[in-house]
Amino acid sequence: MSPTQNSDNDFFNDQLEGNTPNGSLEKMERDWEYYQNYKGQYSPPNLKIIWTGIVKKIGWNPSSRKMPLVSFLKYAAAILLPIAGFLFGLHMSSIFSEINVAETVTLNTASGVSTRVNLSDGSVVWLRPNSEIVYPNEFSDKERVIELNGQAYFKVRSDSLWPFIVRAGDFSAIALGTELIMKTNPDPGIIETALISGRAGIEWTDKDNVLVQKMLQPMELVVYSTEQRNIEVISPLSETTAQWNHYFLAFEGVPLGETLKKMADSYNMQLQVAPGVEVRKPITITVREESFEQILSLLQHIVPFDYTISKDTIYISPKNHRSF
């Protein structure tokens, strides 16, 4: 491993250790919030009232040091049972909490459809078409882990003691308060990761089973080969790509043909345009989270055309003339 990699590793590990006063306060704050969520479900026993009742029932004078053994054993249980019940309730709440953490959600998007996912920690995921994520309905108190197959944009809530990890096979991106793009493409065997802003690192196991880690730079695109288990390309991230992965794409005076082509690429769909469509007509439109079909319906008010969708292909033809 090169000296640069070693330096990256040291810095990456320092960010995750969180051995700072601020980091400790964040951990204490999370623990306190967890306690507040559960303390109200179980009322602690009032031992003073219980003890007063026991004294009255057995007719014992507290000023005397003697108490009948049978009475003592009989009523001592009255003290222990409420306490045991309280502790058992706390134990069961912990068990059910762990069960809830273990529950996972699998979300898939169809062709031409994007969706937004609000995660339990306050992070947001915009899942691109033909993509899938698997995530817990509640993250554990140690780490936040999701699995990705496809493409997504992540806006991660910052927490240095609570790493946010996006996994794709043996490759992981670890965010430390970040806007991040990640795309898996199994056919050529590559994974693309780009940091828009904030701090994030990537890690993988090379062919020698050595863990390799690298910090990303803002507006930097990294292409990882799943076959070679190594970084193949590091290049600047284009502004257009960064804007689109914010689910904000603006066209101003762009010809219809070029607009449709960029839309199709962004939504992972194929496009066929028949002769006779006014592909040179300038288009001004802003896209956020609409589906491709919603965008086509809007464009029809600007340029007359018909369209049909078959699986992952969109066919564009002149108005009232189907040539496909």
Protein backbone atom coordinates (compact mmCIF):
# COMPACT_ATOMS: atom_id res chain seq x y z
CA MET A 1 0.00 0.00 0.00
CA SER A 2 1.32 3.42 -0.91
CA PRO A 3 2.17 6.12 1.64
CA THR A 4 -0.85 8.07 0.39
CA GLN A 5 -3.12 5.15 1.16
CA ASN A 6 -1.66 4.81 4.65
CA SER A 7 -2.28 8.48 5.27
CA ASP A 8 -5.84 8.12 4.02
CA ASN A 9 -6.37 5.13 6.29
CA ASP A 10 -5.13 6.97 9.38
CA PHE A 11 -7.34 9.96 8.69
CA PHE A 12 -10.33 7.74 7.89
CA ASN A 13 -9.97 5.79 11.13
CA ASP A 14 -9.56 9.00 13.13
CA GLN A 15 -12.89 10.24 11.80
CA LEU A 16 -14.68 7.05 12.83
CA GLU A 17 -13.19 6.66 16.30
CA GLY A 18 -14.92 9.78 17.59
CA ASN A 19 -12.71 10.10 20.66
CA THR A 20 -13.60 13.73 21.16
CA PRO A 21 -15.61 15.61 23.82
CA ASN A 22 -18.20 16.54 21.20
CA GLY A 23 -18.44 12.92 20.08
CA SER A 24 -18.95 11.72 23.66
CA LEU A 25 -21.70 14.27 24.17
CA GLU A 26 -23.43 13.05 21.01
CA LYS A 27 -23.34 9.46 22.31
CA MET A 28 -24.71 10.55 25.71
CA GLU A 29 -27.48 12.47 23.98
CA ARG A 30 -28.54 9.39 21.98
CA ASP A 31 -28.50 7.22 25.13
CA TRP A 32 -30.60 9.78 26.99
CA GLU A 33 -33.14 9.93 24.13
CA TYR A 34 -33.37 6.13 24.17
CA TYR A 35 -34.00 6.19 27.95
CA GLN A 36 -36.69 8.84 27.57
CA ASN A 37 -38.51 6.70 24.99
CA TYR A 38 -38.86 3.74 27.34
CA LYS A 39 -38.93 5.07 30.90
CA GLY A 40 -42.54 6.16 30.56
CA GLN A 41 -43.75 2.68 29.70
CA TYR A 42 -42.93 1.19 33.09
CA SER A 43 -43.71 2.97 36.35
CA PRO A 44 -41.12 2.18 39.05
CA PRO A 45 -42.61 0.71 42.25
CA ASN A 46 -43.07 3.04 45.22
CA LEU A 47 -41.06 1.14 47.79
CA LYS A 48 -42.03 3.44 50.67
CA ILE A 49 -45.74 2.75 50.21
CA ILE A 50 -45.12 -0.99 49.80
CA TRP A 51 -43.02 -1.16 52.98
CA THR A 52 -45.60 0.78 55.01
CA GLY A 53 -48.28 -1.68 53.90
CA ILE A 54 -46.15 -4.68 54.88
CA VAL A 55 -45.48 -3.25 58.34
CA LYS A 56 -49.21 -2.76 58.93
CA LYS A 57 -50.14 -6.27 57.73
CA ILE A 58 -47.68 -8.16 59.91
CA GLY A 59 -48.27 -5.90 62.91
CA TRP A 60 -44.57 -5.29 63.37
CA ASN A 61 -43.28 -2.42 65.42
CA PRO A 62 -40.34 -0.88 63.53
CA SER A 63 -38.80 0.18 66.86
CA SER A 64 -38.44 -3.50 67.72
CA ARG A 65 -35.59 -5.44 66.18
CA LYS A 66 -37.53 -8.72 66.17
CA MET A 67 -39.75 -9.97 63.35
CA PRO A 68 -41.34 -13.43 62.98
CA LEU A 69 -39.41 -15.41 60.34
CA VAL A 70 -42.54 -16.66 58.55
CA SER A 71 -43.96 -13.16 58.33
CA PHE A 72 -40.64 -11.87 57.07
CA LEU A 73 -40.42 -14.47 54.26
CA LYS A 74 -44.07 -14.06 53.35
CA TYR A 75 -44.00 -10.34 52.96
CA ALA A 76 -40.49 -9.95 51.66
CA ALA A 77 -41.86 -11.41 48.47
CA ALA A 78 -44.26 -8.49 48.29
CA ILE A 79 -41.26 -6.21 47.95
CA LEU A 80 -39.35 -8.33 45.48
CA LEU A 81 -42.22 -9.10 43.09
CA PRO A 82 -42.93 -5.47 42.04
CA ILE A 83 -39.21 -4.86 41.61
CA ALA A 84 -38.84 -8.07 39.59
CA GLY A 85 -41.82 -7.08 37.46
CA PHE A 86 -40.33 -3.69 36.78
CA LEU A 87 -36.96 -5.16 35.80
CA PHE A 88 -38.65 -7.81 33.64
CA GLY A 89 -40.56 -5.09 31.81
CA LEU A 90 -37.36 -3.23 31.07
CA HIS A 91 -35.74 -6.46 29.87
CA MET A 92 -38.65 -7.21 27.52
CA SER A 93 -38.59 -3.68 26.15
CA SER A 94 -34.92 -4.18 25.31
CA ILE A 95 -35.71 -7.47 23.57
CA PHE A 96 -38.53 -5.96 21.53
CA SER A 97 -36.31 -3.01 20.67
CA GLU A 98 -33.68 -5.38 19.31
CA ILE A 99 -36.33 -7.25 17.33
CA ASN A 100 -37.53 -4.00 15.76
CA VAL A 101 -33.97 -3.06 14.82
CA ALA A 102 -33.58 -6.41 13.08
CA GLU A 103 -36.60 -5.84 10.82
CA THR A 104 -35.58 -4.78 7.33
CA VAL A 105 -37.36 -3.11 4.43
CA THR A 106 -36.65 -3.89 0.77
CA LEU A 107 -37.65 -1.13 -1.64
CA ASN A 108 -37.58 -1.45 -5.45
CA THR A 109 -38.27 1.17 -8.12
CA ALA A 110 -39.62 0.43 -11.59
CA SER A 111 -38.41 1.84 -14.90
CA GLY A 112 -39.00 5.56 -15.21
CA VAL A 113 -39.88 5.97 -11.53
CA SER A 114 -37.83 7.60 -8.78
CA THR A 115 -38.73 7.68 -5.12
CA ARG A 116 -37.67 9.40 -1.93
CA VAL A 117 -37.02 7.45 1.28
CA ASN A 118 -36.87 9.10 4.72
CA LEU A 119 -34.73 6.95 7.02
CA SER A 120 -35.20 6.67 10.78
CA ASP A 121 -32.07 8.73 11.57
CA GLY A 122 -33.22 11.72 9.53
CA SER A 123 -31.14 10.87 6.45
CA VAL A 124 -32.80 10.96 3.02
CA VAL A 125 -32.34 8.66 0.02
CA TRP A 126 -33.50 9.42 -3.52
CA LEU A 127 -33.65 6.03 -5.23
CA ARG A 128 -33.26 6.05 -9.00
CA PRO A 129 -35.28 3.89 -11.44
CA ASN A 130 -34.58 0.13 -11.59
CA SER A 131 -32.84 0.26 -8.22
CA GLU A 132 -33.17 -1.44 -4.84
CA ILE A 133 -32.19 -0.65 -1.28
CA VAL A 134 -32.44 -2.81 1.83
CA TYR A 135 -32.48 -0.96 5.16
CA PRO A 136 -33.68 -1.50 8.75
CA ASN A 137 -36.84 0.23 9.89
CA GLU A 138 -34.79 1.44 12.88
CA PHE A 139 -31.00 1.70 12.85
CA SER A 140 -29.00 0.14 15.69
CA ASP A 141 -27.15 2.37 18.15
CA LYS A 142 -23.78 1.27 16.72
CA GLU A 143 -24.01 1.93 12.99
CA ARG A 144 -26.36 2.78 10.15
CA VAL A 145 -26.11 0.23 7.34
CA ILE A 146 -28.04 -0.11 4.09
CA GLU A 147 -27.48 -2.21 0.96
CA LEU A 148 -27.75 -0.79 -2.54
CA ASN A 149 -28.31 -2.37 -5.94
CA GLY A 150 -28.70 0.31 -8.58
CA GLN A 151 -28.28 4.05 -8.15
CA ALA A 152 -29.16 6.45 -5.36
CA TYR A 153 -28.39 9.89 -3.98
CA PHE A 154 -27.88 10.12 -0.22
CA LYS A 155 -28.18 13.11 2.06
CA VAL A 156 -26.75 11.76 5.30
CA ARG A 157 -27.38 13.20 8.74
CA SER A 158 -24.03 14.05 10.35
CA ASP A 159 -22.93 11.94 13.34
CA SER A 160 -19.25 11.09 13.77
CA LEU A 161 -20.01 8.33 16.31
CA TRP A 162 -22.75 6.71 14.23
CA PRO A 163 -21.29 5.78 10.81
CA PHE A 164 -23.62 5.63 7.80
CA ILE A 165 -22.53 2.74 5.58
CA VAL A 166 -23.75 1.96 2.06
CA ARG A 167 -22.76 -1.56 0.99
CA ALA A 168 -22.60 -3.10 -2.47
CA GLY A 169 -21.01 -6.52 -2.22
CA ASP A 170 -17.51 -6.22 -0.75
CA PHE A 171 -17.43 -2.47 -1.47
CA SER A 172 -18.65 0.11 1.05
CA ALA A 173 -19.03 3.86 1.21
CA ILE A 174 -18.89 5.35 4.72
CA ALA A 175 -20.41 8.79 5.13
CA LEU A 176 -19.65 11.24 7.92
CA GLY A 177 -22.28 13.87 7.16
CA THR A 178 -22.50 13.85 3.42
CA GLU A 179 -24.22 14.27 0.10
CA LEU A 180 -23.20 11.22 -1.86
CA ILE A 181 -23.97 9.45 -5.15
CA MET A 182 -23.49 5.70 -5.54
CA LYS A 183 -24.26 3.47 -8.54
CA THR A 184 -23.74 -0.24 -9.03
CA ASN A 185 -23.55 -1.68 -12.53
CA PRO A 186 -23.14 -5.49 -12.49
CA ASP A 187 -22.80 -6.00 -16.25
CA PRO A 188 -19.39 -4.28 -16.64
CA GLY A 189 -18.70 -5.04 -12.98
CA ILE A 190 -18.18 -1.48 -11.74
CA ILE A 191 -19.36 0.64 -8.82
CA GLU A 192 -19.35 4.43 -9.14
CA THR A 193 -19.20 6.66 -6.09
CA ALA A 194 -19.11 10.45 -6.03
CA LEU A 195 -18.97 12.88 -3.13
CA ILE A 196 -20.94 16.06 -3.70
CA SER A 197 -20.23 17.69 -0.34
CA GLY A 198 -19.21 16.81 3.21
CA ARG A 199 -16.91 13.94 4.19
CA ALA A 200 -16.98 10.31 3.11
CA GLY A 201 -14.63 7.41 2.52
CA ILE A 202 -14.72 4.12 0.65
CA GLU A 203 -13.32 0.74 1.59
CA TRP A 204 -12.93 -2.67 0.00
CA THR A 205 -10.91 -5.87 0.26
CA ASP A 206 -8.31 -6.30 -2.49
CA LYS A 207 -7.24 -9.58 -4.11
CA ASP A 208 -4.76 -10.18 -1.30
CA ASN A 209 -7.62 -9.87 1.24
CA VAL A 210 -6.17 -6.62 2.55
CA LEU A 211 -8.64 -3.95 3.62
CA VAL A 212 -8.09 -0.76 1.60
CA GLN A 213 -9.58 2.59 2.58
CA LYS A 214 -9.62 5.94 0.80
CA MET A 215 -11.11 9.32 1.63
CA LEU A 216 -13.12 10.97 -1.14
CA GLN A 217 -12.75 14.59 -2.18
CA PRO A 218 -15.81 16.79 -2.88
CA MET A 219 -16.97 16.66 -6.52
CA GLU A 220 -14.77 13.61 -7.13
CA LEU A 221 -16.01 10.51 -9.01
CA VAL A 222 -14.40 7.14 -8.25
CA VAL A 223 -14.94 4.03 -10.40
CA TYR A 224 -14.27 0.69 -8.68
CA SER A 225 -13.82 -2.62 -10.53
CA THR A 226 -15.48 -5.55 -8.78
CA GLU A 227 -13.34 -7.97 -10.80
CA GLN A 228 -9.98 -6.31 -10.20
CA ARG A 229 -10.98 -5.18 -6.68
CA ASN A 230 -9.31 -1.88 -7.27
CA ILE A 231 -10.00 1.73 -8.25
CA GLU A 232 -9.86 2.14 -12.03
CA VAL A 233 -10.76 5.79 -12.55
CA ILE A 234 -10.77 8.95 -10.44
CA SER A 235 -12.18 12.00 -12.21
CA PRO A 236 -13.99 15.27 -11.49
CA LEU A 237 -17.77 15.04 -11.16
CA SER A 238 -19.64 17.09 -13.78
CA GLU A 239 -22.03 19.77 -12.59
CA THR A 240 -24.84 18.23 -14.68
CA THR A 241 -24.47 14.87 -12.96
CA ALA A 242 -24.32 16.48 -9.54
CA GLN A 243 -27.44 18.54 -10.23
CA TRP A 244 -29.41 15.59 -11.52
CA ASN A 245 -28.60 13.47 -8.55
CA HIS A 246 -30.09 16.21 -6.42
CA TYR A 247 -33.21 15.44 -8.44
CA PHE A 248 -33.08 18.86 -9.92
CA LEU A 249 -32.45 19.20 -13.64
CA ALA A 250 -33.13 22.33 -15.64
CA PHE A 251 -33.35 22.62 -19.43
CA GLU A 252 -33.38 26.09 -20.94
CA GLY A 253 -33.75 26.35 -24.69
CA VAL A 254 -32.52 22.77 -25.21
CA PRO A 255 -33.84 20.97 -28.34
CA LEU A 256 -36.55 18.37 -27.65
CA GLY A 257 -34.45 15.51 -29.04
CA GLU A 258 -31.53 16.27 -26.72
CA THR A 259 -33.88 16.81 -23.77
CA LEU A 260 -35.56 13.43 -24.29
CA LYS A 261 -32.18 11.68 -24.65
CA LYS A 262 -30.85 13.10 -21.39
CA MET A 263 -34.10 12.25 -19.63
CA ALA A 264 -33.99 8.67 -20.88
CA ASP A 265 -30.38 8.25 -19.73
CA SER A 266 -31.20 9.66 -16.33
CA TYR A 267 -34.16 7.33 -15.87
CA ASN A 268 -32.27 4.26 -17.14
CA MET A 269 -34.56 3.84 -20.13
CA GLN A 270 -34.15 3.36 -23.88
CA LEU A 271 -35.52 5.92 -26.34
CA GLN A 272 -36.69 5.67 -29.95
CA VAL A 273 -37.93 8.74 -31.83
CA ALA A 274 -39.76 8.33 -35.14
CA PRO A 275 -39.23 10.68 -38.09
CA GLY A 276 -41.57 13.66 -38.15
CA VAL A 277 -41.24 14.63 -34.48
CA GLU A 278 -40.12 18.26 -33.97
CA VAL A 279 -36.86 17.26 -32.26
CA ARG A 280 -35.35 20.73 -32.83
CA LYS A 281 -38.08 22.53 -30.91
CA PRO A 282 -36.39 24.35 -27.97
CA ILE A 283 -37.53 23.19 -24.54
CA THR A 284 -37.42 25.02 -21.22
CA ILE A 285 -38.42 22.81 -18.31
CA THR A 286 -37.33 22.06 -14.74
CA VAL A 287 -37.49 18.50 -13.43
CA ARG A 288 -37.42 17.50 -9.77
CA GLU A 289 -38.90 14.16 -8.72
CA GLU A 290 -41.45 13.56 -11.47
CA SER A 291 -41.66 10.22 -13.26
CA PHE A 292 -40.63 10.06 -16.92
CA GLU A 293 -44.28 9.62 -17.93
CA GLN A 294 -45.26 12.77 -16.03
CA ILE A 295 -42.49 14.68 -17.83
CA LEU A 296 -43.68 13.39 -21.23
CA SER A 297 -47.21 14.57 -20.44
CA LEU A 298 -45.83 18.05 -19.69
CA LEU A 299 -43.75 18.12 -22.88
CA GLN A 300 -46.82 17.23 -24.95
CA HIS A 301 -48.19 20.69 -24.12
CA ILE A 302 -45.10 22.23 -25.75
CA VAL A 303 -44.56 19.91 -28.73
CA PRO A 304 -47.34 17.75 -30.23
CA PHE A 305 -46.29 14.08 -30.12
CA ASP A 306 -47.54 10.69 -28.99
CA TYR A 307 -45.66 8.16 -26.92
CA THR A 308 -45.90 4.55 -25.80
CA ILE A 309 -43.92 2.75 -23.13
CA SER A 310 -42.98 -0.91 -23.43
CA LYS A 311 -40.94 -2.30 -20.53
CA ASP A 312 -37.84 -0.06 -20.40
CA THR A 313 -38.24 1.58 -23.86
CA ILE A 314 -40.10 4.78 -24.74
CA TYR A 315 -41.33 5.26 -28.30
CA ILE A 316 -41.95 8.84 -29.51
CA SER A 317 -43.98 9.45 -32.69
CA PRO A 318 -45.70 12.43 -34.38
CA LYS A 319 -49.13 13.36 -33.06
CA ASN A 320 -51.83 10.91 -34.21
CA HIS A 321 -49.28 8.92 -36.21
CA ARG A 322 -47.86 5.74 -34.70
CA SER A 323 -44.94 4.38 -36.72
CA PHE A 324 -43.76 1.72 -34.25
